[in-house]
Amino acid sequence: LLPSRHASSRRTQSGRRWAMNESTSMVWQCMGMDGDRSPSGLVTPEAVSLDLDLAGVGSRSVGAIVDGLIQGALLIAGFVAGSLSPAFGEGFGLVVVGVIFFTLVVFGYHGIFEGLWEGQTPGKRVARIRVVGAAGQPVTWRQVVIRSVFRLIDMSPIGVVTIILTRRSQRLGDLAAGTVVIREQKVPEPAELRLEPDPVRDEYARSLDASGLSEQEYGLVRSFLQRRKSLQPEAAAALASQLATPLRARLGREPGEVGDQQFLEALLVAVRESAAERNPPV
């Protein structure tokens, strides 16, 4: 399911929130359909908004302080180890080792952690922020390296000023790398979906083999059943028909056996019963 996206930005009390509004067109790639619309012309009656909460100076400062303390502890530990252990050499050799170690800790620390920890350092993890691509995708090593190159400049007041002035709270390294820093939000538990008692539907569900239903298709069916009461009856009926028709055809079921929404409910019941059989209560 690949909706097209249009990006926009707006400010909120907690910071600046980057909103990407998905268009109503849905691509049913999970059913082997290509293009901007399915052959049946499926268009959702609602627009879905995906919000990324941009991290401002405050939350980024918390992460920077924690990372700075860790870097300081590493430098002190390295200095003590270099002074006491002959393994690091003496004279010029010790200086070379010290310069390499200092460079790695000061300039490589953030890049190494952000590359390995998917955009996070220990400080960012404490502050619950993360570096991502400008479109919300996972950060790449190339972007991490570019951000690290600009870090020396961004450690000056210039970095704070650019975060405040730019629309997406980006420092120079973010602008060059095409990244943003976001606040991580706790993922809410999916709302429970209760179905009204329906013996006919439940009996019909026992005849369905929903094992071939993909996770995307199940999520689409569940999302519709959860939100259909917020739709106009005509829109809900039309969307149910467009959801049920290709699924019926793939499962080899006849259109007149049950209604469209009843069929989608039966699919949900069949998936739940199949999951209960695979994972019986202890």
Protein backbone atom coordinates (compact mmCIF):
# COMPACT_ATOMS: atom_id res chain seq x y z
CA LEU A 1 0.00 0.00 0.00
CA LEU A 2 1.91 3.03 -1.25
CA PRO A 3 0.10 6.37 -0.93
CA SER A 4 1.54 9.46 -2.59
CA ARG A 5 2.65 12.16 -0.16
CA HIS A 6 2.77 15.95 -0.01
CA ALA A 7 4.87 17.58 2.70
CA SER A 8 3.91 20.65 4.67
CA SER A 9 5.08 22.20 7.93
CA ARG A 10 3.35 23.81 10.88
CA ARG A 11 4.22 25.00 14.39
CA THR A 12 2.81 23.48 17.59
CA GLN A 13 3.12 24.39 21.26
CA SER A 14 5.60 21.57 21.88
CA GLY A 15 7.75 22.46 18.90
CA ARG A 16 7.44 22.43 15.15
CA ARG A 17 5.61 19.49 13.73
CA TRP A 18 6.30 18.38 10.21
CA ALA A 19 3.08 17.07 8.69
CA MET A 20 3.01 14.94 5.59
CA ASN A 21 -0.51 14.65 4.20
CA GLU A 22 -1.12 11.49 2.27
CA SER A 23 -3.35 11.87 -0.72
CA THR A 24 -6.49 9.81 -0.94
CA SER A 25 -5.14 7.65 -3.78
CA MET A 26 -4.03 4.17 -2.68
CA VAL A 27 -1.97 1.71 -4.69
CA TRP A 28 -2.83 -1.91 -4.11
CA GLN A 29 0.61 -3.35 -4.77
CA CYS A 30 -0.09 -6.02 -2.19
CA MET A 31 -2.69 -7.37 -4.66
CA GLY A 32 -0.42 -7.15 -7.69
CA MET A 33 -1.87 -3.86 -8.95
CA ASP A 34 0.28 -1.02 -10.23
CA GLY A 35 -0.30 2.67 -10.94
CA ASP A 36 -1.77 5.56 -9.04
CA ARG A 37 -5.14 3.85 -8.72
CA SER A 38 -6.35 0.28 -8.60
CA PRO A 39 -8.27 -1.01 -11.63
CA SER A 40 -11.45 -0.55 -9.63
CA GLY A 41 -10.51 3.10 -8.98
CA LEU A 42 -10.17 2.73 -5.20
CA VAL A 43 -10.07 6.15 -3.52
CA THR A 44 -10.43 6.47 0.26
CA PRO A 45 -13.01 8.98 1.45
CA GLU A 46 -10.54 10.34 4.06
CA ALA A 47 -7.09 11.94 4.04
CA VAL A 48 -4.54 10.46 6.44
CA SER A 49 -2.05 12.77 8.16
CA LEU A 50 1.34 11.44 9.26
CA ASP A 51 3.06 13.77 11.73
CA LEU A 52 6.75 13.87 12.58
CA ASP A 53 7.47 15.87 15.73
CA LEU A 54 10.62 17.87 15.03
CA ALA A 55 13.13 18.17 17.87
CA GLY A 56 14.01 21.73 18.85
CA VAL A 57 16.98 23.24 20.66
CA GLY A 58 15.83 22.04 24.09
CA SER A 59 15.59 18.30 23.44
CA ARG A 60 18.70 18.36 21.24
CA SER A 61 20.61 20.12 24.01
CA VAL A 62 19.69 17.37 26.47
CA GLY A 63 21.08 14.75 24.11
CA ALA A 64 24.21 16.84 23.48
CA ILE A 65 24.88 17.22 27.21
CA VAL A 66 24.62 13.47 27.82
CA ASP A 67 26.84 12.70 24.83
CA GLY A 68 29.33 15.36 25.97
CA LEU A 69 29.59 13.76 29.41
CA ILE A 70 30.22 10.35 27.84
CA GLN A 71 32.83 11.79 25.47
CA GLY A 72 34.53 13.56 28.38
CA ALA A 73 34.64 10.33 30.39
CA LEU A 74 36.13 8.48 27.41
CA LEU A 75 38.82 11.15 26.93
CA ILE A 76 39.75 11.09 30.61
CA ALA A 77 39.88 7.30 30.61
CA GLY A 78 42.05 7.34 27.50
CA PHE A 79 44.41 9.94 28.95
CA VAL A 80 44.82 7.95 32.17
CA ALA A 81 45.34 4.69 30.26
CA GLY A 82 47.90 6.33 27.97
CA SER A 83 49.79 7.78 30.90
CA LEU A 84 49.96 4.59 32.91
CA SER A 85 50.28 1.85 30.31
CA PRO A 86 53.47 1.37 28.25
CA ALA A 87 51.41 -0.46 25.64
CA PHE A 88 50.57 2.86 23.95
CA GLY A 89 54.21 3.70 23.41
CA GLU A 90 56.22 6.77 24.41
CA GLY A 91 57.12 10.15 22.97
CA PHE A 92 55.94 10.75 19.39
CA GLY A 93 54.15 7.38 19.18
CA LEU A 94 52.07 8.23 22.24
CA VAL A 95 51.17 11.60 20.71
CA VAL A 96 50.01 9.95 17.46
CA VAL A 97 47.86 7.45 19.36
CA GLY A 98 46.45 10.28 21.46
CA VAL A 99 45.52 12.38 18.41
CA ILE A 100 43.81 9.41 16.73
CA PHE A 101 41.90 8.57 19.89
CA PHE A 102 40.86 12.22 20.42
CA THR A 103 39.65 12.51 16.82
CA LEU A 104 37.59 9.34 17.05
CA VAL A 105 35.97 10.35 20.33
CA VAL A 106 35.23 13.98 19.41
CA PHE A 107 34.38 13.66 15.71
CA GLY A 108 33.64 9.97 15.18
CA TYR A 109 31.48 9.33 18.24
CA HIS A 110 28.24 10.72 16.82
CA GLY A 111 28.71 9.34 13.34
CA ILE A 112 29.57 5.82 14.50
CA PHE A 113 26.63 5.62 16.89
CA GLU A 114 24.14 7.23 14.48
CA GLY A 115 25.17 4.82 11.74
CA LEU A 116 24.95 1.73 13.94
CA TRP A 117 21.98 2.77 16.08
CA GLU A 118 19.73 4.00 13.25
CA GLY A 119 20.14 7.71 13.88
CA GLN A 120 20.69 7.65 17.64
CA THR A 121 23.55 8.19 20.06
CA PRO A 122 23.36 7.36 23.78
CA GLY A 123 22.40 10.98 24.43
CA LYS A 124 19.75 11.01 21.71
CA ARG A 125 18.32 7.79 23.10
CA VAL A 126 18.04 9.37 26.56
CA ALA A 127 16.39 12.46 25.03
CA ARG A 128 14.15 10.25 22.87
CA ILE A 129 15.19 11.91 19.61
CA ARG A 130 16.50 10.41 16.38
CA VAL A 131 18.10 11.52 13.09
CA VAL A 132 16.09 10.53 10.01
CA GLY A 133 16.07 11.45 6.35
CA ALA A 134 14.17 14.56 5.29
CA ALA A 135 11.24 12.38 4.13
CA GLY A 136 11.20 10.38 7.37
CA GLN A 137 13.20 7.42 6.04
CA PRO A 138 16.08 5.81 8.02
CA VAL A 139 19.32 7.77 7.93
CA THR A 140 22.10 6.43 5.68
CA TRP A 141 25.85 6.22 6.32
CA ARG A 142 26.42 8.87 3.65
CA GLN A 143 24.16 11.28 5.52
CA VAL A 144 25.85 10.42 8.81
CA VAL A 145 29.28 11.22 7.36
CA ILE A 146 28.09 14.56 5.93
CA ARG A 147 26.59 15.56 9.28
CA SER A 148 29.89 14.69 11.00
CA VAL A 149 31.90 16.85 8.56
CA PHE A 150 29.81 19.90 9.52
CA ARG A 151 29.84 19.12 13.25
CA LEU A 152 32.82 21.37 14.03
CA ILE A 153 30.91 24.39 12.67
CA ASP A 154 27.63 23.29 14.24
CA MET A 155 29.27 23.03 17.68
CA SER A 156 29.59 26.83 17.56
CA PRO A 157 26.65 29.23 18.10
CA ILE A 158 26.02 28.98 14.35
CA GLY A 159 24.48 25.54 14.87
CA VAL A 160 21.99 26.82 17.46
CA VAL A 161 21.07 29.80 15.29
CA THR A 162 20.36 27.65 12.23
CA ILE A 163 18.21 25.27 14.30
CA ILE A 164 16.13 28.22 15.50
CA LEU A 165 15.83 29.93 12.13
CA THR A 166 15.27 27.00 9.77
CA ARG A 167 11.75 25.77 9.08
CA ARG A 168 12.53 22.18 10.07
CA SER A 169 14.89 22.93 12.97
CA GLN A 170 17.93 21.87 10.95
CA ARG A 171 21.56 22.71 11.64
CA LEU A 172 24.04 23.14 8.77
CA GLY A 173 24.91 19.42 8.81
CA ASP A 174 21.23 18.53 8.49
CA LEU A 175 20.75 20.92 5.58
CA ALA A 176 23.76 19.49 3.76
CA ALA A 177 22.88 15.86 4.46
CA GLY A 178 19.13 16.15 3.92
CA THR A 179 18.21 15.05 7.44
CA VAL A 180 15.99 16.17 10.31
CA VAL A 181 15.97 15.31 14.01
CA ILE A 182 12.64 14.12 15.37
CA ARG A 183 11.19 13.35 18.77
CA GLU A 184 10.28 9.71 19.12
CA GLN A 185 6.69 9.15 20.12
CA LYS A 186 5.48 6.12 22.00
CA VAL A 187 3.54 3.88 19.64
CA PRO A 188 0.02 3.51 21.03
CA GLU A 189 -1.46 0.07 21.44
CA PRO A 190 -3.87 -0.68 18.57
CA ALA A 191 -7.43 0.02 19.61
CA GLU A 192 -9.50 -3.07 20.25
CA LEU A 193 -11.90 -3.82 17.43
CA ARG A 194 -15.15 -5.32 18.68
CA LEU A 195 -17.63 -6.86 16.25
CA GLU A 196 -21.34 -7.20 16.88
CA PRO A 197 -22.56 -10.80 17.39
CA ASP A 198 -23.47 -12.36 14.05
CA PRO A 199 -23.93 -16.16 13.89
CA VAL A 200 -24.25 -16.14 10.09
CA ARG A 201 -20.97 -14.27 9.70
CA ASP A 202 -19.18 -16.49 12.22
CA GLU A 203 -20.38 -19.65 10.46
CA TYR A 204 -19.29 -18.24 7.11
CA ALA A 205 -15.87 -17.34 8.58
CA ARG A 206 -15.24 -21.01 9.40
CA SER A 207 -15.42 -21.81 5.68
CA LEU A 208 -12.79 -19.19 4.77
CA ASP A 209 -9.11 -19.96 4.35
CA ALA A 210 -7.49 -16.66 5.30
CA SER A 211 -3.95 -18.05 5.41
CA GLY A 212 -3.11 -16.34 2.12
CA LEU A 213 -4.15 -12.92 3.39
CA SER A 214 -1.08 -10.66 3.59
CA GLU A 215 -0.31 -8.45 6.57
CA GLN A 216 -0.99 -5.37 4.44
CA GLU A 217 -4.36 -6.69 3.32
CA TYR A 218 -5.32 -7.61 6.88
CA GLY A 219 -4.30 -4.15 8.09
CA LEU A 220 -6.36 -2.51 5.34
CA VAL A 221 -9.45 -4.57 6.20
CA ARG A 222 -9.03 -3.92 9.93
CA SER A 223 -8.51 -0.19 9.37
CA PHE A 224 -11.70 0.04 7.33
CA LEU A 225 -13.77 -1.88 9.89
CA GLN A 226 -12.42 0.31 12.67
CA ARG A 227 -13.18 3.59 10.92
CA ARG A 228 -16.30 2.81 8.89
CA LYS A 229 -18.64 4.34 11.48
CA SER A 230 -16.99 7.72 10.91
CA LEU A 231 -17.84 7.54 7.18
CA GLN A 232 -21.06 8.35 5.41
CA PRO A 233 -23.06 5.12 4.85
CA GLU A 234 -22.80 5.46 1.07
CA ALA A 235 -19.03 5.99 1.24
CA ALA A 236 -18.58 3.06 3.63
CA ALA A 237 -20.62 0.77 1.36
CA ALA A 238 -18.70 1.82 -1.75
CA LEU A 239 -15.32 1.36 -0.09
CA ALA A 240 -16.36 -2.00 1.38
CA SER A 241 -17.32 -3.18 -2.10
CA GLN A 242 -13.99 -2.12 -3.55
CA LEU A 243 -12.12 -3.82 -0.72
CA ALA A 244 -14.14 -7.04 -0.80
CA THR A 245 -14.33 -7.61 -4.58
CA PRO A 246 -10.64 -8.46 -5.27
CA LEU A 247 -10.34 -10.41 -2.01
CA ARG A 248 -13.40 -12.51 -2.87
CA ALA A 249 -11.99 -13.24 -6.32
CA ARG A 250 -8.64 -14.32 -4.93
CA LEU A 251 -10.25 -16.57 -2.32
CA GLY A 252 -12.64 -18.07 -4.88
CA ARG A 253 -15.82 -16.92 -3.17
CA GLU A 254 -19.07 -15.84 -4.84
CA PRO A 255 -20.26 -12.22 -4.40
CA GLY A 256 -23.78 -13.13 -3.28
CA GLU A 257 -22.85 -15.36 -0.33
CA VAL A 258 -22.79 -12.51 2.24
CA GLY A 259 -22.70 -8.72 2.12
CA ASP A 260 -19.46 -6.84 1.52
CA GLN A 261 -19.01 -5.60 5.07
CA GLN A 262 -20.10 -8.98 6.42
CA PHE A 263 -17.47 -10.62 4.22
CA LEU A 264 -14.75 -8.30 5.54
CA GLU A 265 -15.85 -9.00 9.11
CA ALA A 266 -15.72 -12.74 8.37
CA LEU A 267 -12.14 -12.37 7.12
CA LEU A 268 -11.19 -10.69 10.40
CA VAL A 269 -12.89 -13.45 12.41
CA ALA A 270 -11.14 -16.14 10.34
CA VAL A 271 -7.72 -14.55 10.94
CA ARG A 272 -8.38 -14.27 14.68
CA GLU A 273 -9.52 -17.89 14.95
CA SER A 274 -6.51 -19.08 12.96
CA ALA A 275 -4.17 -17.12 15.27
CA ALA A 276 -5.91 -18.56 18.34
CA GLU A 277 -5.39 -22.11 17.03
CA ARG A 278 -1.67 -21.47 16.44
CA ASN A 279 -1.20 -19.83 19.84
CA PRO A 280 -3.59 -21.51 22.29
CA PRO A 281 -3.75 -20.05 25.83
CA VAL A 282 -1.47 -21.79 28.32
